[in-house]
Amino acid sequence: MEDPTHRLAGRLLARLARLSPAERAELTALVEAEQEEALGAPAQAGSDPSAPDRAR
């Protein structure tokens, strides 16, 4: 019987492999922002969606 953690990891990897390049870039940006926040590093100027100079 397969370990539930390994089964979940396999399913997540399979889903990640099916992401479009745009989805992958968005997910990468989210993960990097969370890592910076967790490490206490200040967010990069261009990554704040509430920044007034952000192009929409």
PDB file of N, CA and C in Angstrom:
ATOM      1  N   MET A   1       0.846  -1.192   0.000  1.00  0.00           N
ATOM      2  CA  MET A   1       0.000   0.000   0.000  1.00  0.00           C
ATOM      3  C   MET A   1       0.887   1.249   0.000  1.00  0.00           C
ATOM      4  N   GLU A   2       0.537   2.210  -0.842  1.00  0.00           N
ATOM      5  CA  GLU A   2       1.322   3.422  -0.977  1.00  0.00           C
ATOM      6  C   GLU A   2       1.034   4.377   0.180  1.00  0.00           C
ATOM      7  N   ASP A   3       2.067   5.036   0.651  1.00  0.00           N
ATOM      8  CA  ASP A   3       1.952   6.029   1.712  1.00  0.00           C
ATOM      9  C   ASP A   3       1.082   7.189   1.207  1.00  0.00           C
ATOM     10  N   PRO A   4       0.099   7.652   1.994  1.00  0.00           N
ATOM     11  CA  PRO A   4      -0.772   8.751   1.553  1.00  0.00           C
ATOM     12  C   PRO A   4       0.007  10.019   1.201  1.00  0.00           C
ATOM     13  N   THR A   5       1.107  10.268   1.894  1.00  0.00           N
ATOM     14  CA  THR A   5       1.914  11.453   1.594  1.00  0.00           C
ATOM     15  C   THR A   5       2.535  11.345   0.212  1.00  0.00           C
ATOM     16  N   HIS A   6       3.043  10.162  -0.124  1.00  0.00           N
ATOM     17  CA  HIS A   6       3.627   9.963  -1.456  1.00  0.00           C
ATOM     18  C   HIS A   6       2.561  10.043  -2.542  1.00  0.00           C
ATOM     19  N   ARG A   7       1.386   9.546  -2.264  1.00  0.00           N
ATOM     20  CA  ARG A   7       0.291   9.609  -3.231  1.00  0.00           C
ATOM     21  C   ARG A   7      -0.094  11.068  -3.485  1.00  0.00           C
ATOM     22  N   LEU A   8      -0.200  11.852  -2.410  1.00  0.00           N
ATOM     23  CA  LEU A   8      -0.529  13.271  -2.546  1.00  0.00           C
ATOM     24  C   LEU A   8       0.566  14.008  -3.311  1.00  0.00           C
ATOM     25  N   ALA A   9       1.813  13.727  -2.979  1.00  0.00           N
ATOM     26  CA  ALA A   9       2.928  14.369  -3.675  1.00  0.00           C
ATOM     27  C   ALA A   9       2.896  14.045  -5.167  1.00  0.00           C
ATOM     28  N   GLY A  10       2.612  12.808  -5.499  1.00  0.00           N
ATOM     29  CA  GLY A  10       2.519  12.416  -6.904  1.00  0.00           C
ATOM     30  C   GLY A  10       1.408  13.147  -7.634  1.00  0.00           C
ATOM     31  N   ARG A  11       0.269  13.287  -6.969  1.00  0.00           N
ATOM     32  CA  ARG A  11      -0.857  13.999  -7.584  1.00  0.00           C
ATOM     33  C   ARG A  11      -0.534  15.475  -7.780  1.00  0.00           C
ATOM     34  N   LEU A  12       0.124  16.087  -6.786  1.00  0.00           N
ATOM     35  CA  LEU A  12       0.503  17.495  -6.909  1.00  0.00           C
ATOM     36  C   LEU A  12       1.506  17.702  -8.038  1.00  0.00           C
ATOM     37  N   LEU A  13       2.492  16.825  -8.126  1.00  0.00           N
ATOM     38  CA  LEU A  13       3.473  16.940  -9.204  1.00  0.00           C
ATOM     39  C   LEU A  13       2.820  16.776 -10.574  1.00  0.00           C
ATOM     40  N   ALA A  14       1.869  15.872 -10.681  1.00  0.00           N
ATOM     41  CA  ALA A  14       1.168  15.679 -11.950  1.00  0.00           C
ATOM     42  C   ALA A  14       0.383  16.933 -12.325  1.00  0.00           C
ATOM     43  N   ARG A  15      -0.256  17.550 -11.350  1.00  0.00           N
ATOM     44  CA  ARG A  15      -1.009  18.782 -11.633  1.00  0.00           C
ATOM     45  C   ARG A  15      -0.077  19.926 -12.002  1.00  0.00           C
ATOM     46  N   LEU A  16       1.046  20.035 -11.301  1.00  0.00           N
ATOM     47  CA  LEU A  16       2.017  21.080 -11.621  1.00  0.00           C
ATOM     48  C   LEU A  16       2.544  20.921 -13.040  1.00  0.00           C
ATOM     49  N   ALA A  17       2.736  19.704 -13.474  1.00  0.00           N
ATOM     50  CA  ALA A  17       3.251  19.438 -14.818  1.00  0.00           C
ATOM     51  C   ALA A  17       2.272  19.890 -15.898  1.00  0.00           C
ATOM     52  N   ARG A  18       0.986  19.970 -15.559  1.00  0.00           N
ATOM     53  CA  ARG A  18      -0.027  20.364 -16.547  1.00  0.00           C
ATOM     54  C   ARG A  18      -0.298  21.870 -16.565  1.00  0.00           C
ATOM     55  N   LEU A  19       0.389  22.639 -15.716  1.00  0.00           N
ATOM     56  CA  LEU A  19       0.163  24.080 -15.693  1.00  0.00           C
ATOM     57  C   LEU A  19       0.675  24.726 -16.978  1.00  0.00           C
ATOM     58  N   SER A  20      -0.025  25.746 -17.404  1.00  0.00           N
ATOM     59  CA  SER A  20       0.448  26.519 -18.553  1.00  0.00           C
ATOM     60  C   SER A  20       1.636  27.371 -18.090  1.00  0.00           C
ATOM     61  N   PRO A  21       2.418  27.888 -19.023  1.00  0.00           N
ATOM     62  CA  PRO A  21       3.538  28.754 -18.629  1.00  0.00           C
ATOM     63  C   PRO A  21       3.079  29.959 -17.798  1.00  0.00           C
ATOM     64  N   ALA A  22       1.940  30.538 -18.141  1.00  0.00           N
ATOM     65  CA  ALA A  22       1.429  31.687 -17.388  1.00  0.00           C
ATOM     66  C   ALA A  22       1.033  31.275 -15.971  1.00  0.00           C
ATOM     67  N   GLU A  23       0.375  30.135 -15.850  1.00  0.00           N
ATOM     68  CA  GLU A  23      -0.016  29.635 -14.529  1.00  0.00           C
ATOM     69  C   GLU A  23       1.219  29.298 -13.696  1.00  0.00           C
ATOM     70  N   ARG A  24       2.220  28.713 -14.344  1.00  0.00           N
ATOM     71  CA  ARG A  24       3.456  28.363 -13.641  1.00  0.00           C
ATOM     72  C   ARG A  24       4.157  29.626 -13.146  1.00  0.00           C
ATOM     73  N   ALA A  25       4.194  30.672 -13.965  1.00  0.00           N
ATOM     74  CA  ALA A  25       4.826  31.932 -13.570  1.00  0.00           C
ATOM     75  C   ALA A  25       4.080  32.568 -12.400  1.00  0.00           C
ATOM     76  N   GLU A  26       2.754  32.532 -12.455  1.00  0.00           N
ATOM     77  CA  GLU A  26       1.949  33.091 -11.369  1.00  0.00           C
ATOM     78  C   GLU A  26       2.186  32.323 -10.068  1.00  0.00           C
ATOM     79  N   LEU A  27       2.201  31.015 -10.146  1.00  0.00           N
ATOM     80  CA  LEU A  27       2.434  30.192  -8.963  1.00  0.00           C
ATOM     81  C   LEU A  27       3.841  30.423  -8.411  1.00  0.00           C
ATOM     82  N   THR A  28       4.824  30.531  -9.290  1.00  0.00           N
ATOM     83  CA  THR A  28       6.193  30.790  -8.859  1.00  0.00           C
ATOM     84  C   THR A  28       6.281  32.116  -8.120  1.00  0.00           C
ATOM     85  N   ALA A  29       5.628  33.149  -8.640  1.00  0.00           N
ATOM     86  CA  ALA A  29       5.632  34.457  -7.984  1.00  0.00           C
ATOM     87  C   ALA A  29       4.979  34.384  -6.606  1.00  0.00           C
ATOM     88  N   LEU A  30       3.875  33.652  -6.506  1.00  0.00           N
ATOM     89  CA  LEU A  30       3.202  33.503  -5.212  1.00  0.00           C
ATOM     90  C   LEU A  30       4.085  32.779  -4.206  1.00  0.00           C
ATOM     91  N   VAL A  31       4.727  31.713  -4.644  1.00  0.00           N
ATOM     92  CA  VAL A  31       5.595  30.938  -3.753  1.00  0.00           C
ATOM     93  C   VAL A  31       6.779  31.790  -3.301  1.00  0.00           C
ATOM     94  N   GLU A  32       7.389  32.526  -4.222  1.00  0.00           N
ATOM     95  CA  GLU A  32       8.529  33.366  -3.864  1.00  0.00           C
ATOM     96  C   GLU A  32       8.124  34.448  -2.874  1.00  0.00           C
ATOM     97  N   ALA A  33       6.950  35.047  -3.063  1.00  0.00           N
ATOM     98  CA  ALA A  33       6.466  36.069  -2.132  1.00  0.00           C
ATOM     99  C   ALA A  33       6.234  35.476  -0.746  1.00  0.00           C
ATOM    100  N   GLU A  34       5.663  34.289  -0.695  1.00  0.00           N
ATOM    101  CA  GLU A  34       5.434  33.622   0.595  1.00  0.00           C
ATOM    102  C   GLU A  34       6.760  33.281   1.272  1.00  0.00           C
ATOM    103  N   GLN A  35       7.740  32.843   0.492  1.00  0.00           N
ATOM    104  CA  GLN A  35       9.051  32.512   1.060  1.00  0.00           C
ATOM    105  C   GLN A  35       9.713  33.758   1.629  1.00  0.00           C
ATOM    106  N   GLU A  36       9.652  34.870   0.900  1.00  0.00           N
ATOM    107  CA  GLU A  36      10.235  36.118   1.375  1.00  0.00           C
ATOM    108  C   GLU A  36       9.558  36.561   2.666  1.00  0.00           C
ATOM    109  N   GLU A  37       8.237  36.454   2.707  1.00  0.00           N
ATOM    110  CA  GLU A  37       7.498  36.841   3.901  1.00  0.00           C
ATOM    111  C   GLU A  37       7.878  35.947   5.081  1.00  0.00           C
ATOM    112  N   ALA A  38       7.994  34.664   4.841  1.00  0.00           N
ATOM    113  CA  ALA A  38       8.336  33.721   5.906  1.00  0.00           C
ATOM    114  C   ALA A  38       9.749  33.963   6.432  1.00  0.00           C
ATOM    115  N   LEU A  39      10.640  34.397   5.561  1.00  0.00           N
ATOM    116  CA  LEU A  39      12.018  34.652   5.960  1.00  0.00           C
ATOM    117  C   LEU A  39      12.200  36.057   6.519  1.00  0.00           C
ATOM    118  N   GLY A  40      11.163  36.879   6.443  1.00  0.00           N
ATOM    119  CA  GLY A  40      11.231  38.233   6.963  1.00  0.00           C
ATOM    120  C   GLY A  40      11.865  39.223   6.014  1.00  0.00           C
ATOM    121  N   ALA A  41      12.097  38.823   4.787  1.00  0.00           N
ATOM    122  CA  ALA A  41      12.686  39.721   3.801  1.00  0.00           C
ATOM    123  C   ALA A  41      11.617  40.669   3.275  1.00  0.00           C
ATOM    124  N   PRO A  42      11.979  41.914   3.025  1.00  0.00           N
ATOM    125  CA  PRO A  42      10.994  42.839   2.462  1.00  0.00           C
ATOM    126  C   PRO A  42      10.588  42.414   1.057  1.00  0.00           C
ATOM    127  N   ALA A  43       9.345  42.627   0.724  1.00  0.00           N
ATOM    128  CA  ALA A  43       8.842  42.273  -0.606  1.00  0.00           C
ATOM    129  C   ALA A  43       9.491  43.173  -1.645  1.00  0.00           C
ATOM    130  N   GLN A  44       9.657  42.655  -2.840  1.00  0.00           N
ATOM    131  CA  GLN A  44      10.221  43.451  -3.923  1.00  0.00           C
ATOM    132  C   GLN A  44       9.211  44.508  -4.336  1.00  0.00           C
ATOM    133  N   ALA A  45       9.700  45.658  -4.772  1.00  0.00           N
ATOM    134  CA  ALA A  45       8.833  46.780  -5.106  1.00  0.00           C
ATOM    135  C   ALA A  45       7.794  46.424  -6.158  1.00  0.00           C
ATOM    136  N   GLY A  46       8.142  45.651  -7.158  1.00  0.00           N
ATOM    137  CA  GLY A  46       7.220  45.338  -8.240  1.00  0.00           C
ATOM    138  C   GLY A  46       6.241  44.232  -7.936  1.00  0.00           C
ATOM    139  N   SER A  47       6.357  43.588  -6.771  1.00  0.00           N
ATOM    140  CA  SER A  47       5.493  42.448  -6.499  1.00  0.00           C
ATOM    141  C   SER A  47       4.274  42.786  -5.655  1.00  0.00           C
ATOM    142  N   ASP A  48       4.143  44.031  -5.219  1.00  0.00           N
ATOM    143  CA  ASP A  48       3.015  44.419  -4.377  1.00  0.00           C
ATOM    144  C   ASP A  48       1.850  44.859  -5.252  1.00  0.00           C
ATOM    145  N   PRO A  49       0.742  44.093  -5.254  1.00  0.00           N
ATOM    146  CA  PRO A  49      -0.392  44.455  -6.106  1.00  0.00           C
ATOM    147  C   PRO A  49      -1.055  45.763  -5.700  1.00  0.00           C
ATOM    148  N   SER A  50      -0.817  46.245  -4.484  1.00  0.00           N
ATOM    149  CA  SER A  50      -1.426  47.499  -4.050  1.00  0.00           C
ATOM    150  C   SER A  50      -0.543  48.701  -4.356  1.00  0.00           C
ATOM    151  N   ALA A  51       0.629  48.467  -4.937  1.00  0.00           N
ATOM    152  CA  ALA A  51       1.526  49.570  -5.264  1.00  0.00           C
ATOM    153  C   ALA A  51       0.863  50.492  -6.278  1.00  0.00           C
ATOM    154  N   PRO A  52       0.915  51.808  -6.030  1.00  0.00           N
ATOM    155  CA  PRO A  52       0.210  52.748  -6.915  1.00  0.00           C
ATOM    156  C   PRO A  52       0.760  52.814  -8.329  1.00  0.00           C
ATOM    157  N   ASP A  53       2.038  52.488  -8.535  1.00  0.00           N
ATOM    158  CA  ASP A  53       2.613  52.597  -9.875  1.00  0.00           C
ATOM    159  C   ASP A  53       2.503  51.314 -10.678  1.00  0.00           C
ATOM    160  N   ARG A  54       1.772  50.353 -10.197  1.00  0.00           N
ATOM    161  CA  ARG A  54       1.634  49.084 -10.919  1.00  0.00           C
ATOM    162  C   ARG A  54       0.776  49.277 -12.167  1.00  0.00           C
ATOM    163  N   ALA A  55       1.277  48.808 -13.284  1.00  0.00           N
ATOM    164  CA  ALA A  55       0.517  48.892 -14.540  1.00  0.00           C
ATOM    165  C   ALA A  55      -0.585  47.846 -14.527  1.00  0.00           C
ATOM    166  N   ARG A  56      -1.741  48.215 -15.001  1.00  0.00           N
ATOM    167  CA  ARG A  56      -2.868  47.277 -15.031  1.00  0.00           C
ATOM    168  C   ARG A  56      -3.314  47.050 -16.438  1.00  0.00           C
TER     169      ARG A  56
END
